[in-house]
Each structure stands twice: as C-alpha cells, then as structure tokens.
Amino acid sequence: MNLTQKVTAWTKACWELSILETRAVKAHIKPQKVGYMCPDETINFSNAKFAREYSKNRAIAALKDKNPYERLLIVDKNRVLDEIDGEAHRVTFEPILYEGSSNLSAIHGHPDSYAKGCASPISPGDASCILHWKHLNETIAYNTKGEFSALKKSGSISSKGWFSNLKKKFKELINTINSETIRAHYDKKIIPPERLKKLNENNRKIADCMKRKGSKDELFALIDEQNKLGKIIEEALVSEAGCKQTHKYWLKYAKKFNLEYTTNFSNL
C-alpha cells in the first residue's frame, strides 16, 4: 500500500475527522490543517507544525491498533515524504531513498513495554542512523500517551565560506565515526559485562564457523544461541530498570556524540 492509498484509507476510516485529529471534529476543519497529496505522492501541509502533528498522530494510531506496531514517517519541513509500517518493536527504512532532501525528521512510535503508557526511550540504533546519514537531522519516538523521546544533531554549521564548509565536512566525518561506535559504547555501559562477554564470544564463534565452513548444524546452533542471548538482553532493556538506564545513558553521553537528547516520557 503506497502513501496515497494509506492516506485515503485513513481519511475514509475517520469520516468527519481532520487527517490531523484522532477525535471527532464538530467545528469546521481549518483548511490549513489539512494536507494535500502531490503527484509525487508526498503530502504537503501549510507549515512544518501541521506536518509534524499529522505524523505524530499517525505514529500513535499504530500503537493503539489491535496488534500494536511501529509506524515511521519521514518528514521534510512541511512535507511528509513517506510512511512505513513496521513490526511490534521495530521498523526499518532506507535513508538513501531520501538523499535529495536535507534536515529530515524520522518520526515513529514506541509501543508499551513493561506497563501501559510506558515505553523505551530512543534507541542507540536510532542514534546510529541519524549520525550516519547527513540528511537525517533528528529522530523522535512517541508513546501511547503522546509523550516523546528525541535525539537531534547538535551544533549546526553555516555552509557559507570555505572554512565553514571545511568545519561542516569535518563534523560529518566525526558523526560517521560516531555512528559506528555508539552501539558498542552503549552496550558496554548498559549490558552486564558477563552477558556482553557471552554475546561477543558467540559472535566470534559464528564468524569462525563461517570462515572455516563448519557444518550447517553447528552454525544454526550458534545462531540460535545468539538469538536467545539477544532476546534476554532486549527484554532487559525494555524493562522498567532498562528504560531508566537508557534514559540516564542519553543524559550523560548524548553530547559526547554531538547529539541533543530531550524527552517528557513520564515513566523515566
């Protein structure tokens, strides 16, 4: 289903609802709040505020589905470029598809984890993605209460003049390096050492098995063990203690990676 079909279905389902609102609208709908479809299948709004409001509501609507899932919307100022439906706890996309734009926002939802209305903050995977792609500026996750957790690149540099351009390119290089190290840094600070050691050892065993062309049974057994270890860690990170640990991590280390962390998640 493409973006046009999704918006059409959403509008029909809402009947007399503004495409920005999730509650019934008794008064007249303000025209500037309603987006319009363009030939290239993007949705244009009168300003960036309404595009973000629409995206927020769409992300939250997916969280309140009978089978909650993550929905991601790619926003460029007042334009919604894409809408992608993911799974219960993840959504993937290809940033390279939007390289013609700049300063994009990736807006998505984080489902309830250990209790109703309690979701995990922005993940290191989200951080790695915006650091790696220079045209992605921020990532925002909403919970079922409409609260947010966000990471944004800090310290924008004017591109006027050769020295400013040089500083900008240097910062982009640092961001790329950070995108490759932030996950390992997070794991080291958050995951218990003995569990992280097991995970790394098993990773090495898998690499060795593939290198020496070990048996299929051996490889599948190692992958199965890796999945079990990964699931244990994932469950720990979405627990109440895990969510608070991640929150404290961003408060302490976001600036180290040239990021700004903000949230109003009430469960933290």
Protein backbone atom coordinates (compact mmCIF):
# COMPACT_ATOMS: atom_id res chain seq x y z
CA MET A 1 0.00 0.00 0.00
CA ASN A 2 1.57 3.32 -1.07
CA LEU A 3 1.27 6.64 0.76
CA THR A 4 -1.72 7.80 -1.30
CA GLN A 5 -3.68 4.62 -0.50
CA LYS A 6 -2.79 4.83 3.21
CA VAL A 7 -4.00 8.43 3.46
CA THR A 8 -7.21 7.60 1.56
CA ALA A 9 -7.90 4.67 3.90
CA TRP A 10 -7.14 6.84 6.93
CA THR A 11 -9.49 9.61 5.76
CA LYS A 12 -12.33 7.17 5.00
CA ALA A 13 -11.91 5.47 8.36
CA CYS A 14 -12.09 8.84 10.11
CA TRP A 15 -15.10 10.02 8.08
CA GLU A 16 -15.64 13.55 9.50
CA LEU A 17 -12.19 13.74 11.06
CA SER A 18 -9.40 16.04 10.10
CA ILE A 19 -6.47 13.92 8.92
CA LEU A 20 -4.58 15.53 11.78
CA GLU A 21 -7.04 14.67 14.53
CA THR A 22 -7.84 11.37 16.21
CA ARG A 23 -11.05 12.67 17.83
CA ALA A 24 -14.32 13.82 16.23
CA VAL A 25 -14.29 17.39 14.92
CA LYS A 26 -17.62 19.16 15.44
CA ALA A 27 -16.50 22.59 14.25
CA HIS A 28 -15.35 23.43 10.75
CA ILE A 29 -11.97 21.97 9.86
CA LYS A 30 -9.35 24.64 9.24
CA PRO A 31 -8.18 24.22 5.63
CA GLN A 32 -4.55 24.95 6.52
CA LYS A 33 -4.52 21.92 8.80
CA VAL A 34 -5.45 19.50 6.04
CA GLY A 35 -2.63 18.21 3.88
CA TYR A 36 -2.94 17.63 0.15
CA MET A 37 -1.45 14.89 -1.98
CA CYS A 38 1.09 15.82 -4.64
CA PRO A 39 1.76 13.97 -7.91
CA ASP A 40 4.96 12.56 -6.37
CA GLU A 41 2.81 11.04 -3.56
CA THR A 42 4.14 13.30 -0.81
CA ILE A 43 1.70 15.10 1.49
CA ASN A 44 2.13 18.88 1.68
CA PHE A 45 0.91 20.96 4.62
CA SER A 46 0.78 24.72 5.04
CA ASN A 47 3.61 24.61 7.56
CA ALA A 48 6.01 22.26 9.36
CA LYS A 49 3.98 22.26 12.58
CA PHE A 50 0.96 20.62 10.92
CA ALA A 51 3.14 18.08 9.07
CA ARG A 52 4.69 17.02 12.38
CA GLU A 53 1.31 16.93 14.12
CA TYR A 54 -0.08 14.66 11.42
CA SER A 55 2.98 12.41 11.66
CA LYS A 56 2.72 12.22 15.43
CA ASN A 57 -0.95 11.21 15.26
CA ARG A 58 -0.28 8.57 12.62
CA ALA A 59 2.55 7.08 14.67
CA ILE A 60 0.37 6.95 17.81
CA ALA A 61 -2.58 5.46 15.88
CA ALA A 62 -0.40 2.43 15.00
CA LEU A 63 0.49 2.00 18.69
CA LYS A 64 -3.22 1.86 19.54
CA ASP A 65 -4.01 -0.74 16.89
CA LYS A 66 -5.46 -4.10 17.98
CA ASN A 67 -1.98 -5.52 17.29
CA PRO A 68 0.31 -2.55 18.10
CA TYR A 69 3.23 -1.89 15.80
CA GLU A 70 5.77 0.81 14.98
CA ARG A 71 4.97 3.21 12.16
CA LEU A 72 7.64 5.57 10.77
CA LEU A 73 7.05 8.82 8.90
CA ILE A 74 9.78 10.73 7.08
CA VAL A 75 9.21 14.48 7.29
CA ASP A 76 10.92 17.30 5.39
CA LYS A 77 9.73 20.60 6.89
CA ASN A 78 6.08 20.85 5.76
CA ARG A 79 6.16 17.66 3.64
CA VAL A 80 5.54 14.06 4.64
CA LEU A 81 7.72 12.09 2.23
CA ASP A 82 6.90 8.56 3.30
CA GLU A 83 5.03 6.36 5.77
CA ILE A 84 6.35 2.91 6.65
CA ASP A 85 4.61 0.26 8.76
CA GLY A 86 6.95 -1.96 10.77
CA GLU A 87 6.63 -4.72 13.35
CA ALA A 88 5.77 -4.83 17.06
CA HIS A 89 9.12 -3.42 18.21
CA ARG A 90 10.97 -2.31 15.09
CA VAL A 91 10.60 -0.51 11.81
CA THR A 92 13.22 -0.32 9.08
CA PHE A 93 13.72 2.08 6.19
CA GLU A 94 16.32 3.03 3.58
CA PRO A 95 17.62 6.57 4.25
CA ILE A 96 19.40 6.59 0.90
CA LEU A 97 15.99 6.93 -0.79
CA TYR A 98 15.62 10.45 0.63
CA GLU A 99 19.09 11.82 -0.17
CA GLY A 100 17.62 14.63 -2.28
CA SER A 101 16.27 16.24 0.89
CA SER A 102 18.05 17.78 3.87
CA ASN A 103 17.41 18.05 7.63
CA LEU A 104 14.84 15.27 7.67
CA SER A 105 12.93 14.13 10.76
CA ALA A 106 12.22 10.44 11.37
CA ILE A 107 9.03 10.27 13.46
CA HIS A 108 7.81 6.93 14.80
CA GLY A 109 6.14 5.19 17.74
CA HIS A 110 7.44 3.06 20.62
CA PRO A 111 4.86 0.53 21.90
CA ASP A 112 4.17 -0.07 25.60
CA SER A 113 6.83 -2.26 27.17
CA TYR A 114 6.58 -3.17 30.88
CA ALA A 115 3.31 -1.29 31.59
CA LYS A 116 0.58 0.70 29.86
CA GLY A 117 1.89 4.03 28.62
CA CYS A 118 5.47 3.06 29.49
CA ALA A 119 7.83 2.81 26.52
CA SER A 120 11.57 2.63 26.00
CA PRO A 121 13.40 5.84 25.03
CA ILE A 122 15.17 6.42 21.71
CA SER A 123 17.48 3.51 20.93
CA PRO A 124 21.20 3.54 20.01
CA GLY A 125 20.14 2.11 16.64
CA ASP A 126 18.09 5.27 16.01
CA ALA A 127 21.08 7.38 17.04
CA SER A 128 23.46 5.48 14.76
CA CYS A 129 21.13 6.01 11.81
CA ILE A 130 20.86 9.80 12.09
CA LEU A 131 24.60 10.12 12.73
CA HIS A 132 25.46 8.08 9.64
CA TRP A 133 23.17 9.91 7.21
CA LYS A 134 23.95 13.62 6.92
CA HIS A 135 20.45 14.48 5.62
CA LEU A 136 18.77 12.98 8.71
CA ASN A 137 18.67 15.61 11.45
CA GLU A 138 16.56 14.10 14.23
CA THR A 139 14.59 11.06 15.32
CA ILE A 140 11.52 11.25 17.54
CA ALA A 141 9.63 8.40 19.22
CA TYR A 142 6.15 8.81 20.70
CA ASN A 143 4.49 6.55 23.26
CA THR A 144 0.78 5.75 23.56
CA LYS A 145 0.30 8.80 25.82
CA GLY A 146 1.62 11.14 23.13
CA GLU A 147 4.82 11.81 25.07
CA PHE A 148 8.11 11.98 23.16
CA SER A 149 11.74 10.90 23.32
CA ALA A 150 14.07 12.56 20.81
CA LEU A 151 17.66 12.84 19.61
CA LYS A 152 18.79 15.69 17.39
CA LYS A 153 22.16 16.55 15.86
CA SER A 154 23.69 19.47 17.71
CA GLY A 155 25.75 22.46 16.61
CA SER A 156 24.62 23.29 13.09
CA ILE A 157 27.31 24.98 10.98
CA SER A 158 26.68 27.62 8.33
CA SER A 159 27.88 26.40 4.93
CA LYS A 160 28.95 29.87 3.76
CA GLY A 161 32.66 30.23 3.04
CA TRP A 162 35.43 27.67 2.59
CA PHE A 163 36.29 27.45 6.31
CA SER A 164 32.67 26.82 7.32
CA ASN A 165 32.43 24.16 4.61
CA LEU A 166 35.59 22.54 5.96
CA LYS A 167 34.22 22.52 9.51
CA LYS A 168 30.95 21.06 8.26
CA LYS A 169 32.72 18.24 6.40
CA PHE A 170 34.86 17.51 9.47
CA LYS A 171 31.75 17.31 11.65
CA GLU A 172 30.08 14.95 9.17
CA LEU A 173 33.17 12.73 9.32
CA ILE A 174 33.06 12.67 13.13
CA ASN A 175 29.33 11.84 13.02
CA THR A 176 30.03 8.92 10.67
CA ILE A 177 32.70 7.59 13.03
CA ASN A 178 30.35 8.04 15.99
CA SER A 179 27.61 6.15 14.15
CA GLU A 180 29.88 3.10 14.06
CA THR A 181 30.96 3.30 17.72
CA ILE A 182 27.85 4.43 19.59
CA ARG A 183 26.20 1.00 19.76
CA ALA A 184 29.33 -0.65 21.20
CA HIS A 185 29.69 2.22 23.70
CA TYR A 186 26.03 1.86 24.75
CA ASP A 187 26.30 -1.94 25.11
CA LYS A 188 29.43 -1.60 27.25
CA LYS A 189 27.75 0.91 29.58
CA ILE A 190 24.32 -0.76 29.82
CA ILE A 191 24.63 -4.54 29.34
CA PRO A 192 26.05 -6.55 32.29
CA PRO A 193 29.72 -7.44 31.50
CA GLU A 194 29.25 -11.22 31.78
CA ARG A 195 26.31 -11.18 29.37
CA LEU A 196 28.10 -8.91 26.91
CA LYS A 197 31.14 -11.20 27.07
CA LYS A 198 28.96 -14.23 26.18
CA LEU A 199 27.41 -12.32 23.28
CA ASN A 200 30.80 -11.26 21.88
CA GLU A 201 32.26 -14.76 22.30
CA ASN A 202 29.33 -16.26 20.44
CA ASN A 203 29.73 -13.66 17.67
CA ARG A 204 33.35 -14.71 17.25
CA LYS A 205 32.34 -18.39 17.14
CA ILE A 206 29.81 -17.66 14.38
CA ALA A 207 32.43 -15.73 12.36
CA ASP A 208 34.95 -18.57 12.83
CA CYS A 209 32.39 -21.21 11.83
CA MET A 210 31.56 -19.35 8.64
CA LYS A 211 35.25 -18.76 7.84
CA ARG A 212 36.22 -22.42 8.15
CA LYS A 213 32.92 -23.53 6.52
CA GLY A 214 31.70 -25.51 9.52
CA SER A 215 28.64 -27.72 9.41
CA LYS A 216 25.15 -26.32 8.97
CA ASP A 217 24.07 -27.81 12.31
CA GLU A 218 26.95 -26.11 14.14
CA LEU A 219 26.20 -22.74 12.54
CA PHE A 220 22.45 -22.95 13.21
CA ALA A 221 23.10 -23.93 16.85
CA LEU A 222 25.37 -20.89 17.32
CA ILE A 223 22.84 -18.56 15.65
CA ASP A 224 20.06 -19.99 17.83
CA GLU A 225 22.19 -19.34 20.93
CA GLN A 226 22.87 -15.79 19.72
CA ASN A 227 19.16 -15.14 19.24
CA LYS A 228 18.44 -16.39 22.77
CA LEU A 229 21.14 -14.14 24.25
CA GLY A 230 19.87 -11.20 22.19
CA LYS A 231 16.29 -11.76 23.33
CA ILE A 232 17.34 -11.84 27.01
CA ILE A 233 19.19 -8.54 26.59
CA GLU A 234 16.32 -6.98 24.63
CA GLU A 235 13.80 -7.95 27.31
CA ALA A 236 16.06 -6.48 30.00
CA LEU A 237 16.38 -3.18 28.11
CA VAL A 238 12.60 -2.68 27.79
CA SER A 239 12.03 -3.43 31.48
CA GLU A 240 11.44 -0.51 33.85
CA ALA A 241 15.06 -0.61 35.02
CA GLY A 242 16.32 -0.92 31.42
CA CYS A 243 14.29 2.06 30.20
CA LYS A 244 15.60 4.23 33.02
CA GLN A 245 19.16 3.10 32.34
CA THR A 246 18.85 4.13 28.69
CA HIS A 247 17.41 7.50 29.76
CA LYS A 248 20.38 8.07 32.10
CA TYR A 249 22.75 7.00 29.34
CA TRP A 250 21.49 9.69 26.96
CA LEU A 251 21.54 12.35 29.68
CA LYS A 252 25.20 11.54 30.31
CA TYR A 253 26.57 10.68 26.87
CA ALA A 254 24.40 12.30 24.15
CA LYS A 255 26.68 15.36 23.96
CA LYS A 256 29.73 13.10 23.57
CA PHE A 257 28.27 12.02 20.21
CA ASN A 258 27.20 15.55 19.10
CA LEU A 259 23.57 14.85 19.93
CA GLU A 260 20.87 16.66 21.93
CA TYR A 261 18.54 14.44 23.97
CA THR A 262 15.10 15.61 25.09
CA THR A 263 12.11 13.72 26.47
CA ASN A 264 8.95 14.10 28.51
CA PHE A 265 8.34 10.37 28.98
CA SER A 266 6.64 10.20 32.38
CA ASN A 267 7.91 6.67 33.08
CA LEU A 268 11.53 7.86 33.29
